[in-house]
Amino acid sequence: METDHSKKLKMHKRLSLLTIFIGLLLVTFMIVVESEPGALPLALILIGTGWYFITRSKLRSQQI
């Protein structure tokens, strides 16, 4: 049985992956349109990646 906390962490994991995906789409769009990546998409990728690894470590510590 999953706890409520575990469900929230799994939702955070999905949201962080969505943030990374949106950042990658924006980087691709910015490179095609302006020939340079831009700061906001790169920030989304970095924030999403950090969020993902923090959430992943919390999920792993819960399973032990």
N, C-alpha and C. Protein backbone atom coordinates (compact mmCIF):
# COMPACT_ATOMS: atom_id res chain seq x y z
N MET A 1 0.83 -1.18 0.00
CA MET A 1 0.00 0.00 0.00
C MET A 1 0.88 1.24 0.00
N GLU A 2 0.56 2.17 -0.89
CA GLU A 2 1.33 3.40 -0.98
C GLU A 2 0.81 4.42 0.02
N THR A 3 1.75 5.13 0.60
CA THR A 3 1.35 6.19 1.51
C THR A 3 1.08 7.46 0.71
N ASP A 4 0.44 8.40 1.36
CA ASP A 4 0.13 9.68 0.72
C ASP A 4 1.43 10.41 0.37
N HIS A 5 2.43 10.30 1.23
CA HIS A 5 3.71 10.95 1.00
C HIS A 5 4.40 10.37 -0.24
N SER A 6 4.31 9.08 -0.40
CA SER A 6 4.91 8.41 -1.55
C SER A 6 4.23 8.85 -2.85
N LYS A 7 2.92 9.00 -2.82
CA LYS A 7 2.19 9.46 -4.00
C LYS A 7 2.60 10.89 -4.37
N LYS A 8 2.78 11.73 -3.35
CA LYS A 8 3.21 13.11 -3.61
C LYS A 8 4.60 13.14 -4.23
N LEU A 9 5.49 12.29 -3.73
CA LEU A 9 6.84 12.26 -4.29
C LEU A 9 6.83 11.77 -5.73
N LYS A 10 5.99 10.81 -6.03
CA LYS A 10 5.90 10.33 -7.41
C LYS A 10 5.34 11.41 -8.33
N MET A 11 4.41 12.22 -7.83
CA MET A 11 3.88 13.34 -8.62
C MET A 11 4.98 14.39 -8.83
N HIS A 12 5.79 14.64 -7.81
CA HIS A 12 6.91 15.57 -7.95
C HIS A 12 7.90 15.07 -8.99
N LYS A 13 8.11 13.77 -9.02
CA LYS A 13 9.01 13.18 -10.01
C LYS A 13 8.49 13.42 -11.42
N ARG A 14 7.19 13.20 -11.62
CA ARG A 14 6.58 13.43 -12.94
C ARG A 14 6.65 14.91 -13.33
N LEU A 15 6.39 15.79 -12.39
CA LEU A 15 6.44 17.22 -12.68
C LEU A 15 7.85 17.68 -13.02
N SER A 16 8.84 17.13 -12.34
CA SER A 16 10.22 17.51 -12.64
C SER A 16 10.61 17.03 -14.03
N LEU A 17 10.17 15.84 -14.42
CA LEU A 17 10.45 15.35 -15.77
C LEU A 17 9.73 16.21 -16.82
N LEU A 18 8.53 16.66 -16.51
CA LEU A 18 7.80 17.55 -17.40
C LEU A 18 8.54 18.88 -17.56
N THR A 19 9.09 19.40 -16.48
CA THR A 19 9.86 20.64 -16.52
C THR A 19 11.08 20.48 -17.41
N ILE A 20 11.77 19.36 -17.27
CA ILE A 20 12.95 19.10 -18.12
C ILE A 20 12.52 19.02 -19.59
N PHE A 21 11.43 18.33 -19.86
CA PHE A 21 10.95 18.16 -21.23
C PHE A 21 10.57 19.51 -21.85
N ILE A 22 9.86 20.34 -21.10
CA ILE A 22 9.49 21.67 -21.60
C ILE A 22 10.74 22.50 -21.85
N GLY A 23 11.72 22.43 -20.96
CA GLY A 23 12.98 23.14 -21.16
C GLY A 23 13.69 22.69 -22.42
N LEU A 24 13.70 21.38 -22.67
CA LEU A 24 14.34 20.86 -23.89
C LEU A 24 13.61 21.33 -25.15
N LEU A 25 12.28 21.34 -25.09
CA LEU A 25 11.50 21.85 -26.23
C LEU A 25 11.80 23.32 -26.49
N LEU A 26 11.86 24.11 -25.42
CA LEU A 26 12.14 25.53 -25.57
C LEU A 26 13.55 25.78 -26.09
N VAL A 27 14.52 25.00 -25.63
CA VAL A 27 15.89 25.14 -26.13
C VAL A 27 15.92 24.86 -27.63
N THR A 28 15.26 23.79 -28.04
CA THR A 28 15.21 23.44 -29.46
C THR A 28 14.56 24.55 -30.27
N PHE A 29 13.45 25.06 -29.77
CA PHE A 29 12.74 26.14 -30.45
C PHE A 29 13.62 27.39 -30.55
N MET A 30 14.26 27.75 -29.45
CA MET A 30 15.10 28.95 -29.44
C MET A 30 16.30 28.81 -30.38
N ILE A 31 16.88 27.63 -30.45
CA ILE A 31 18.02 27.42 -31.35
C ILE A 31 17.57 27.53 -32.80
N VAL A 32 16.42 26.96 -33.12
CA VAL A 32 15.92 27.03 -34.49
C VAL A 32 15.55 28.46 -34.87
N VAL A 33 14.88 29.18 -33.97
CA VAL A 33 14.39 30.52 -34.29
C VAL A 33 15.48 31.57 -34.16
N GLU A 34 16.24 31.56 -33.07
CA GLU A 34 17.19 32.63 -32.80
C GLU A 34 18.66 32.22 -32.91
N SER A 35 18.94 30.96 -33.17
CA SER A 35 20.29 30.43 -33.29
C SER A 35 21.10 30.52 -32.00
N GLU A 36 20.44 30.64 -30.87
CA GLU A 36 21.10 30.57 -29.56
C GLU A 36 20.09 30.03 -28.55
N PRO A 37 20.58 29.32 -27.52
CA PRO A 37 19.64 28.61 -26.63
C PRO A 37 18.81 29.49 -25.71
N GLY A 38 19.31 30.57 -25.20
CA GLY A 38 18.55 31.40 -24.26
C GLY A 38 18.71 30.91 -22.83
N ALA A 39 18.50 31.81 -21.89
CA ALA A 39 18.75 31.51 -20.48
C ALA A 39 17.58 30.80 -19.80
N LEU A 40 16.37 31.18 -20.12
CA LEU A 40 15.21 30.60 -19.44
C LEU A 40 15.06 29.09 -19.70
N PRO A 41 15.17 28.64 -20.95
CA PRO A 41 15.08 27.19 -21.15
C PRO A 41 16.20 26.42 -20.44
N LEU A 42 17.40 26.97 -20.43
CA LEU A 42 18.50 26.30 -19.74
C LEU A 42 18.24 26.26 -18.23
N ALA A 43 17.66 27.33 -17.70
CA ALA A 43 17.31 27.35 -16.28
C ALA A 43 16.25 26.30 -15.96
N LEU A 44 15.27 26.15 -16.85
CA LEU A 44 14.23 25.12 -16.65
C LEU A 44 14.85 23.73 -16.62
N ILE A 45 15.80 23.48 -17.50
CA ILE A 45 16.45 22.17 -17.53
C ILE A 45 17.24 21.94 -16.25
N LEU A 46 17.99 22.93 -15.80
CA LEU A 46 18.78 22.79 -14.57
C LEU A 46 17.90 22.62 -13.34
N ILE A 47 16.86 23.42 -13.23
CA ILE A 47 15.95 23.33 -12.09
C ILE A 47 15.23 21.98 -12.09
N GLY A 48 14.74 21.56 -13.25
CA GLY A 48 14.05 20.27 -13.35
C GLY A 48 14.96 19.11 -13.01
N THR A 49 16.22 19.18 -13.45
CA THR A 49 17.17 18.11 -13.16
C THR A 49 17.48 18.03 -11.67
N GLY A 50 17.71 19.18 -11.05
CA GLY A 50 17.95 19.20 -9.60
C GLY A 50 16.75 18.68 -8.83
N TRP A 51 15.58 19.13 -9.22
CA TRP A 51 14.32 18.69 -8.59
C TRP A 51 14.16 17.18 -8.73
N TYR A 52 14.46 16.64 -9.92
CA TYR A 52 14.34 15.21 -10.16
C TYR A 52 15.26 14.40 -9.24
N PHE A 53 16.53 14.81 -9.15
CA PHE A 53 17.47 14.04 -8.34
C PHE A 53 17.17 14.13 -6.84
N ILE A 54 16.69 15.28 -6.39
CA ILE A 54 16.30 15.41 -4.98
C ILE A 54 15.10 14.50 -4.68
N THR A 55 14.10 14.53 -5.56
CA THR A 55 12.92 13.69 -5.37
C THR A 55 13.28 12.21 -5.45
N ARG A 56 14.16 11.87 -6.38
CA ARG A 56 14.57 10.47 -6.53
C ARG A 56 15.28 9.97 -5.27
N SER A 57 16.12 10.82 -4.68
CA SER A 57 16.82 10.40 -3.46
C SER A 57 15.83 10.23 -2.30
N LYS A 58 14.82 11.09 -2.24
CA LYS A 58 13.82 10.94 -1.19
C LYS A 58 12.99 9.67 -1.37
N LEU A 59 12.66 9.35 -2.62
CA LEU A 59 11.92 8.11 -2.88
C LEU A 59 12.76 6.89 -2.50
N ARG A 60 14.03 6.90 -2.83
CA ARG A 60 14.90 5.76 -2.50
C ARG A 60 15.07 5.61 -0.99
N SER A 61 15.18 6.71 -0.29
CA SER A 61 15.36 6.62 1.17
C SER A 61 14.08 6.10 1.85
N GLN A 62 12.94 6.31 1.22
CA GLN A 62 11.68 5.83 1.77
C GLN A 62 11.54 4.31 1.58
N GLN A 63 12.11 3.77 0.52
CA GLN A 63 11.96 2.35 0.21
C GLN A 63 12.81 1.47 1.09
N ILE A 64 13.83 1.99 1.70
CA ILE A 64 14.75 1.20 2.52
C ILE A 64 14.13 0.86 3.86
